[in-house]
Amino acid sequence: MMTFLKHSFYYLATTLPFFGLTGALAAETGSRDESPSRYVLAVHGGSGAMGPDMPDDLRQEYREAVAAALRAGYAQLESGGSSLDAVEAAIVIMEDSPLFNAGKGAVFTHEGRNELDASIMTGNGLDGGAVAGVTNVKNPIRAARAVMEDTPHVLLATRGAEVFIEGTGLERVEPEYFWTERRWDALQRALERERERDESGSLDPDEVTHPEEYVGTVGAVALDREGNLAAGTSTGGMNNKRHGRIGDSPVIGAGTYADNATVAVSGTGWGEKFIRTAAAHSLSAMMAYQGLSVSEAAEAALERVASIDGYGGIIALDPRGNVAMPFNTRGMYRGRVTADGRIEVFIHHEE
């Protein structure tokens, strides 16, 4: 465990001094409450080590993919659809893209499998649904919504979830659908690092990946015409994760939360740290009980994650349409769309 923590400290030490934790969170244009323009939808495509020197063509691919997700979600809202419809539509676009660590672009487990997690929640009635460890549903976010709407449960996992999905009519695929060369190569690099450490006698069994590879989880938060909030998150998890590992993305209150009285939240980053701090619900609680703004609460929740050597990012949307998108890594793929359809996409801190 100590080896893994050393990598975590190294990642934070090499990332945060460039920005400073408080400065990194506050510098984001969208992390301040802004209302004359009401933001009705925000999305993220994961936070991590993407630097300002990333190739222009790759940067443009990510920008276009995030914008496509925003357009899909906004189309639902504009036509009178619910915030749940908008969240689902936006996330499906990102799940279908090999760019993100969700759906088609999911990372591999240590055994070379793709195990997918997702959750969705509505602030109207605090209803939520989630799936974990599924391997054959094309869009896990749709499966999560089906759990919410068609069962008395919140979370179904692995084979149980897949048996349920068989009766839903949702599109299923062979596990090979999720294979991508980029993610396979990332697994091989991680396995090689393990072999090298094992040969040197320094292998820590708890160390499963480099911090830079905790990236790509996708999420969305939305506010609809009826004033209802919703949030959703989808991921392939952690590169080289152990079989059966479940992170924060399908855990209501950790990676996803929505309450019409406070906020809709989706997180991305080191899932274990988001679980241990109940990050998404803590953000809501700080707004409810301390009277913090969405920006203040989002920054405080992420600082709490950082206090136990975690990192990542958060998107949060309050009932007045104020949005916050703080992160403490080198970058986070993210964007928002206003009620008038104006789309904004960001990757780095300085944008």
Protein backbone atom coordinates (compact mmCIF):
# COMPACT_ATOMS: atom_id res chain seq x y z
CA MET A 1 0.00 0.00 0.00
CA MET A 2 2.83 2.37 0.78
CA THR A 3 4.16 2.11 -2.78
CA PHE A 4 0.78 3.09 -4.14
CA LEU A 5 0.52 6.03 -1.77
CA LYS A 6 3.95 7.21 -2.86
CA HIS A 7 2.70 7.36 -6.44
CA SER A 8 -0.36 9.26 -5.23
CA PHE A 9 1.77 11.79 -3.38
CA TYR A 10 3.99 12.11 -6.43
CA TYR A 11 1.03 12.77 -8.71
CA LEU A 12 -0.35 15.46 -6.42
CA ALA A 13 3.08 16.95 -5.82
CA THR A 14 3.81 17.18 -9.54
CA THR A 15 0.36 18.49 -10.44
CA LEU A 16 -0.81 20.84 -7.74
CA PRO A 17 2.25 23.09 -7.38
CA PHE A 18 1.64 24.32 -10.91
CA PHE A 19 -1.74 25.62 -9.88
CA GLY A 20 -2.06 25.36 -6.10
CA LEU A 21 -5.07 23.39 -4.84
CA THR A 22 -7.21 26.40 -3.98
CA GLY A 23 -6.18 28.26 -7.09
CA ALA A 24 -6.80 25.24 -9.28
CA LEU A 25 -10.32 24.92 -7.97
CA ALA A 26 -11.12 28.60 -8.08
CA ALA A 27 -9.52 29.39 -11.43
CA GLU A 28 -12.12 27.40 -13.38
CA THR A 29 -14.41 29.85 -15.12
CA GLY A 30 -17.39 27.68 -14.39
CA SER A 31 -16.67 27.20 -10.69
CA ARG A 32 -18.29 30.47 -9.67
CA ASP A 33 -21.99 30.96 -9.22
CA GLU A 34 -23.27 32.71 -12.30
CA SER A 35 -26.84 33.60 -12.75
CA PRO A 36 -28.05 35.69 -15.21
CA SER A 37 -27.47 32.83 -17.65
CA ARG A 38 -29.06 29.64 -16.38
CA TYR A 39 -26.94 26.59 -17.08
CA VAL A 40 -29.18 23.62 -17.69
CA LEU A 41 -26.65 20.92 -18.49
CA ALA A 42 -23.02 20.15 -17.70
CA VAL A 43 -20.92 17.11 -18.57
CA HIS A 44 -17.48 15.73 -17.86
CA GLY A 45 -15.38 13.16 -19.68
CA GLY A 46 -12.90 12.44 -16.91
CA SER A 47 -10.04 14.21 -15.18
CA GLY A 48 -6.37 13.31 -15.18
CA ALA A 49 -2.93 14.00 -16.56
CA MET A 50 -3.91 15.55 -19.89
CA GLY A 51 -1.57 18.53 -20.27
CA PRO A 52 -1.69 21.71 -22.35
CA ASP A 53 0.83 20.07 -24.70
CA MET A 54 -1.58 17.37 -25.87
CA PRO A 55 -1.70 17.11 -29.69
CA ASP A 56 -4.05 19.58 -31.35
CA ASP A 57 -5.91 16.90 -33.28
CA LEU A 58 -6.57 14.86 -30.14
CA ARG A 59 -7.66 17.94 -28.24
CA GLN A 60 -10.11 18.73 -31.01
CA GLU A 61 -11.50 15.19 -30.95
CA TYR A 62 -12.25 15.50 -27.25
CA ARG A 63 -13.79 18.94 -27.67
CA GLU A 64 -16.07 17.67 -30.42
CA ALA A 65 -17.08 14.62 -28.40
CA VAL A 66 -17.94 16.71 -25.33
CA ALA A 67 -19.87 19.18 -27.50
CA ALA A 68 -21.81 16.30 -29.09
CA ALA A 69 -22.81 15.06 -25.63
CA LEU A 70 -23.97 18.55 -24.68
CA ARG A 71 -26.01 18.87 -27.88
CA ALA A 72 -27.70 15.52 -27.28
CA GLY A 73 -28.66 16.40 -23.73
CA TYR A 74 -29.75 19.92 -24.64
CA ALA A 75 -32.00 18.58 -27.39
CA GLN A 76 -33.91 16.63 -24.75
CA LEU A 77 -34.30 19.66 -22.52
CA GLU A 78 -35.26 21.98 -25.36
CA SER A 79 -38.04 19.63 -26.47
CA GLY A 80 -39.47 19.46 -22.97
CA GLY A 81 -37.72 16.27 -21.91
CA SER A 82 -36.78 15.57 -18.33
CA SER A 83 -33.41 16.11 -16.73
CA LEU A 84 -33.13 12.30 -16.59
CA ASP A 85 -33.62 12.14 -20.35
CA ALA A 86 -30.92 14.78 -20.83
CA VAL A 87 -28.42 13.05 -18.55
CA GLU A 88 -28.98 9.70 -20.23
CA ALA A 89 -28.71 11.14 -23.75
CA ALA A 90 -25.48 12.99 -22.99
CA ILE A 91 -23.83 10.01 -21.34
CA VAL A 92 -24.83 7.61 -24.12
CA ILE A 93 -22.89 9.77 -26.59
CA MET A 94 -19.76 9.46 -24.46
CA GLU A 95 -20.29 5.75 -23.79
CA ASP A 96 -20.40 5.18 -27.54
CA SER A 97 -17.10 7.01 -28.07
CA PRO A 98 -13.78 5.15 -27.72
CA LEU A 99 -12.22 8.35 -26.35
CA PHE A 100 -13.63 7.95 -22.86
CA ASN A 101 -13.26 5.32 -20.16
CA ALA A 102 -16.92 4.31 -20.33
CA GLY A 103 -18.79 1.95 -22.62
CA LYS A 104 -16.87 1.45 -25.86
CA GLY A 105 -13.64 2.98 -24.52
CA ALA A 106 -13.59 1.16 -21.17
CA VAL A 107 -10.30 0.12 -19.61
CA PHE A 108 -9.40 -3.50 -18.91
CA THR A 109 -9.24 -5.39 -15.65
CA HIS A 110 -6.11 -7.24 -14.56
CA GLU A 111 -7.54 -10.36 -16.22
CA GLY A 112 -8.18 -8.57 -19.52
CA ARG A 113 -11.93 -8.02 -19.20
CA ASN A 114 -14.09 -4.91 -19.46
CA GLU A 115 -16.33 -4.51 -16.40
CA LEU A 116 -18.62 -1.49 -16.54
CA ASP A 117 -20.33 0.56 -13.83
CA ALA A 118 -22.95 3.31 -14.00
CA SER A 119 -25.51 5.11 -11.89
CA ILE A 120 -28.27 7.67 -12.36
CA MET A 121 -30.34 9.65 -9.88
CA THR A 122 -33.18 12.13 -9.95
CA GLY A 123 -33.57 14.93 -7.43
CA ASN A 124 -37.35 14.55 -7.57
CA GLY A 125 -38.02 11.89 -4.95
CA LEU A 126 -34.38 10.84 -4.59
CA ASP A 127 -34.86 7.87 -6.90
CA GLY A 128 -31.69 6.20 -8.16
CA GLY A 129 -30.44 3.15 -9.98
CA ALA A 130 -27.06 1.60 -10.71
CA VAL A 131 -25.27 -1.37 -12.23
CA ALA A 132 -21.78 -2.64 -11.49
CA GLY A 133 -19.45 -5.09 -13.16
CA VAL A 134 -21.57 -5.63 -16.28
CA THR A 135 -19.90 -6.92 -19.42
CA ASN A 136 -22.49 -7.16 -22.18
CA VAL A 137 -24.76 -4.11 -22.20
CA LYS A 138 -23.89 -1.46 -24.78
CA ASN A 139 -24.93 1.50 -22.62
CA PRO A 140 -24.63 0.93 -18.87
CA ILE A 141 -26.32 4.27 -18.08
CA ARG A 142 -29.51 2.95 -19.68
CA ALA A 143 -29.24 -0.18 -17.58
CA ALA A 144 -28.86 1.95 -14.46
CA ARG A 145 -32.02 3.86 -15.35
CA ALA A 146 -33.87 0.60 -15.93
CA VAL A 147 -32.85 -0.58 -12.44
CA MET A 148 -34.25 2.68 -11.03
CA GLU A 149 -37.52 2.55 -12.92
CA ASP A 150 -38.25 -1.17 -13.20
CA THR A 151 -37.06 -2.70 -9.93
CA PRO A 152 -37.42 -1.95 -6.21
CA HIS A 153 -33.62 -1.90 -5.94
CA VAL A 154 -30.90 0.70 -6.35
CA LEU A 155 -27.84 -1.35 -7.34
CA LEU A 156 -27.57 -4.61 -9.27
CA ALA A 157 -24.14 -6.13 -9.86
CA THR A 158 -22.38 -8.57 -12.19
CA ARG A 159 -24.39 -11.62 -13.28
CA GLY A 160 -27.51 -10.51 -11.42
CA ALA A 161 -27.48 -7.23 -13.29
CA GLU A 162 -26.95 -8.99 -16.60
CA VAL A 163 -29.85 -11.37 -16.01
CA PHE A 164 -32.06 -8.37 -15.30
CA ILE A 165 -30.80 -6.58 -18.43
CA GLU A 166 -31.76 -9.59 -20.57
CA GLY A 167 -35.41 -8.84 -19.89
CA THR A 168 -35.30 -5.11 -20.50
CA GLY A 169 -34.89 -4.93 -24.26
CA LEU A 170 -31.74 -2.86 -23.88
CA GLU A 171 -29.11 -3.34 -26.55
CA ARG A 172 -26.63 -6.02 -25.60
CA VAL A 173 -23.26 -6.71 -27.18
CA GLU A 174 -20.55 -9.32 -27.07
CA PRO A 175 -17.74 -8.44 -24.63
CA GLU A 176 -15.41 -8.04 -27.60
CA TYR A 177 -17.31 -4.88 -28.55
CA PHE A 178 -15.48 -3.00 -25.78
CA TRP A 179 -11.98 -3.97 -26.94
CA THR A 180 -9.86 -1.05 -28.12
CA GLU A 181 -6.17 -1.13 -28.92
CA ARG A 182 -5.48 1.99 -26.86
CA ARG A 183 -6.92 0.51 -23.66
CA TRP A 184 -5.36 -2.91 -24.30
CA ASP A 185 -1.96 -1.32 -24.69
CA ALA A 186 -2.48 0.59 -21.43
CA LEU A 187 -3.17 -2.69 -19.65
CA GLN A 188 -0.04 -4.27 -21.11
CA ARG A 189 2.06 -1.35 -19.85
CA ALA A 190 0.57 -1.72 -16.39
CA LEU A 191 1.19 -5.46 -16.37
CA GLU A 192 4.78 -4.93 -17.46
CA ARG A 193 5.34 -2.50 -14.59
CA GLU A 194 4.00 -5.14 -12.23
CA ARG A 195 6.33 -7.78 -13.64
CA GLU A 196 9.31 -5.45 -13.27
CA ARG A 197 8.45 -4.69 -9.66
CA ASP A 198 7.81 -8.36 -8.93
CA GLU A 199 11.24 -9.26 -10.27
CA SER A 200 12.84 -6.57 -8.14
CA GLY A 201 10.94 -7.71 -5.08
CA SER A 202 9.17 -4.39 -4.61
CA LEU A 203 5.71 -5.29 -5.85
CA ASP A 204 2.88 -4.05 -3.66
CA PRO A 205 -0.23 -6.14 -4.40
CA ASP A 206 -2.44 -3.11 -3.75
CA GLU A 207 -0.73 -1.08 -6.45
CA VAL A 208 -2.70 -1.70 -9.64
CA THR A 209 -2.08 1.28 -11.89
CA HIS A 210 -0.38 4.61 -12.33
CA PRO A 211 -2.36 7.63 -11.12
CA GLU A 212 -2.28 9.04 -14.65
CA GLU A 213 -4.51 6.18 -15.75
CA TYR A 214 -7.41 7.03 -13.45
CA VAL A 215 -9.06 9.02 -16.21
CA GLY A 216 -12.00 8.99 -18.58
CA THR A 217 -15.07 8.39 -16.40
CA VAL A 218 -18.01 10.31 -17.86
CA GLY A 219 -20.91 12.09 -16.22
CA ALA A 220 -23.68 14.62 -16.64
CA VAL A 221 -25.90 16.83 -14.50
CA ALA A 222 -29.05 18.56 -15.72
CA LEU A 223 -31.87 20.89 -14.69
CA ASP A 224 -35.11 20.71 -16.67
CA ARG A 225 -38.04 23.06 -17.28
CA GLU A 226 -39.92 21.58 -14.32
CA GLY A 227 -37.07 22.43 -11.96
CA ASN A 228 -35.99 18.82 -11.50
CA LEU A 229 -32.33 17.95 -11.16
CA ALA A 230 -30.68 14.71 -12.28
CA ALA A 231 -27.17 13.28 -12.33
CA GLY A 232 -25.48 10.28 -13.88
CA THR A 233 -22.01 8.73 -14.08
CA SER A 234 -20.58 5.88 -16.18
CA THR A 235 -17.15 4.26 -16.20
CA GLY A 236 -14.99 1.31 -17.09
CA GLY A 237 -13.29 1.79 -13.73
CA MET A 238 -9.58 1.59 -13.07
CA ASN A 239 -7.04 0.30 -15.55
CA ASN A 240 -5.68 -3.07 -14.35
CA LYS A 241 -8.24 -3.25 -11.57
CA ARG A 242 -8.75 -6.53 -9.75
CA HIS A 243 -11.74 -8.65 -10.79
CA GLY A 244 -14.86 -7.45 -8.99
CA ARG A 245 -13.48 -4.05 -7.99
CA ILE A 246 -16.24 -1.43 -7.83
CA GLY A 247 -15.44 2.26 -7.56
CA ASP A 248 -17.52 5.31 -6.78
CA SER A 249 -19.36 5.71 -10.10
CA PRO A 250 -22.22 3.28 -9.31
CA VAL A 251 -22.37 4.28 -5.64
CA ILE A 252 -25.11 6.79 -4.90
CA GLY A 253 -23.66 9.46 -2.61
CA ALA A 254 -20.07 8.84 -3.67
CA GLY A 255 -19.82 9.41 -7.42
CA THR A 256 -23.41 10.46 -8.13
CA TYR A 257 -26.08 12.36 -6.23
CA ALA A 258 -29.12 14.53 -6.96
CA ASP A 259 -31.57 16.34 -4.69
CA ASN A 260 -33.94 19.04 -5.94
CA ALA A 261 -33.38 20.92 -2.68
CA THR A 262 -29.64 21.25 -3.19
CA VAL A 263 -27.64 19.96 -6.14
CA ALA A 264 -26.93 17.38 -8.83
CA VAL A 265 -23.38 15.94 -8.74
CA SER A 266 -21.18 13.65 -10.82
CA GLY A 267 -17.58 12.92 -9.93
CA THR A 268 -14.50 11.53 -11.63
CA GLY A 269 -11.15 10.50 -10.23
CA TRP A 270 -9.78 8.03 -7.71
CA GLY A 271 -12.99 6.21 -6.79
CA GLU A 272 -11.87 4.77 -3.48
CA LYS A 273 -11.25 8.28 -2.16
CA PHE A 274 -14.65 9.52 -3.36
CA ILE A 275 -16.30 6.57 -1.59
CA ARG A 276 -14.41 7.17 1.64
CA THR A 277 -15.44 10.82 1.73
CA ALA A 278 -18.98 10.24 0.40
CA ALA A 279 -18.02 13.11 -1.89
CA ALA A 280 -21.24 13.65 -3.84
CA HIS A 281 -23.54 13.54 -0.83
CA SER A 282 -21.13 15.58 1.28
CA LEU A 283 -21.35 18.33 -1.31
CA SER A 284 -25.15 18.31 -1.02
CA ALA A 285 -24.99 18.25 2.77
CA MET A 286 -22.69 21.27 2.90
CA MET A 287 -25.18 23.22 0.83
CA ALA A 288 -28.13 22.06 2.94
CA TYR A 289 -26.65 22.41 6.42
CA GLN A 290 -23.90 25.00 6.05
CA GLY A 291 -25.55 27.20 3.46
CA LEU A 292 -22.60 27.00 1.07
CA SER A 293 -22.99 27.90 -2.59
CA VAL A 294 -22.56 25.16 -5.15
CA SER A 295 -19.08 26.46 -5.97
CA GLU A 296 -18.00 26.61 -2.34
CA ALA A 297 -19.40 23.16 -1.60
CA ALA A 298 -17.85 21.59 -4.70
CA GLU A 299 -14.44 23.00 -3.83
CA ALA A 300 -14.78 21.85 -0.21
CA ALA A 301 -15.81 18.34 -1.25
CA LEU A 302 -12.84 18.05 -3.59
CA GLU A 303 -10.49 19.42 -0.93
CA ARG A 304 -11.75 16.66 1.36
CA VAL A 305 -10.90 14.08 -1.31
CA ALA A 306 -7.44 15.65 -1.65
CA SER A 307 -6.94 15.55 2.13
CA ILE A 308 -6.69 11.75 1.92
CA ASP A 309 -4.40 11.95 -1.11
CA GLY A 310 -7.17 11.62 -3.68
CA TYR A 311 -7.63 13.50 -6.90
CA GLY A 312 -10.22 14.03 -9.57
CA GLY A 313 -12.97 16.44 -10.46
CA ILE A 314 -16.63 17.26 -9.85
CA ILE A 315 -19.44 18.78 -11.87
CA ALA A 316 -22.32 20.18 -9.83
CA LEU A 317 -25.51 22.05 -10.72
CA ASP A 318 -27.87 23.75 -8.27
CA PRO A 319 -31.63 24.39 -8.64
CA ARG A 320 -31.01 27.96 -9.84
CA GLY A 321 -28.84 26.78 -12.72
CA ASN A 322 -25.47 27.67 -11.17
CA VAL A 323 -22.72 25.26 -12.19
CA ALA A 324 -19.35 24.36 -10.65
CA MET A 325 -16.68 22.23 -12.31
CA PRO A 326 -13.58 22.13 -10.04
CA PHE A 327 -10.75 19.61 -10.39
CA ASN A 328 -7.29 19.12 -8.89
CA THR A 329 -5.59 17.28 -11.74
CA ARG A 330 -3.85 18.67 -14.82
CA GLY A 331 -7.09 18.76 -16.74
CA MET A 332 -10.69 17.63 -16.98
CA TYR A 333 -12.76 17.20 -20.13
CA ARG A 334 -15.88 19.19 -19.35
CA GLY A 335 -18.50 21.48 -20.79
CA ARG A 336 -21.83 23.19 -20.20
CA VAL A 337 -24.75 24.51 -22.17
CA THR A 338 -26.94 27.44 -21.24
CA ALA A 339 -30.70 27.74 -21.59
CA ASP A 340 -30.19 29.60 -24.88
CA GLY A 341 -28.17 26.70 -26.32
CA ARG A 342 -24.72 28.27 -26.00
CA ILE A 343 -22.13 25.51 -25.65
CA GLU A 344 -18.80 25.90 -23.84
CA VAL A 345 -16.13 23.20 -23.69
CA PHE A 346 -12.97 23.20 -21.55
CA ILE A 347 -10.01 20.91 -20.92
CA HIS A 348 -7.34 22.78 -18.95
CA HIS A 349 -7.27 25.19 -16.02
CA GLU A 350 -6.45 28.29 -17.99
CA GLU A 351 -9.53 28.03 -20.20
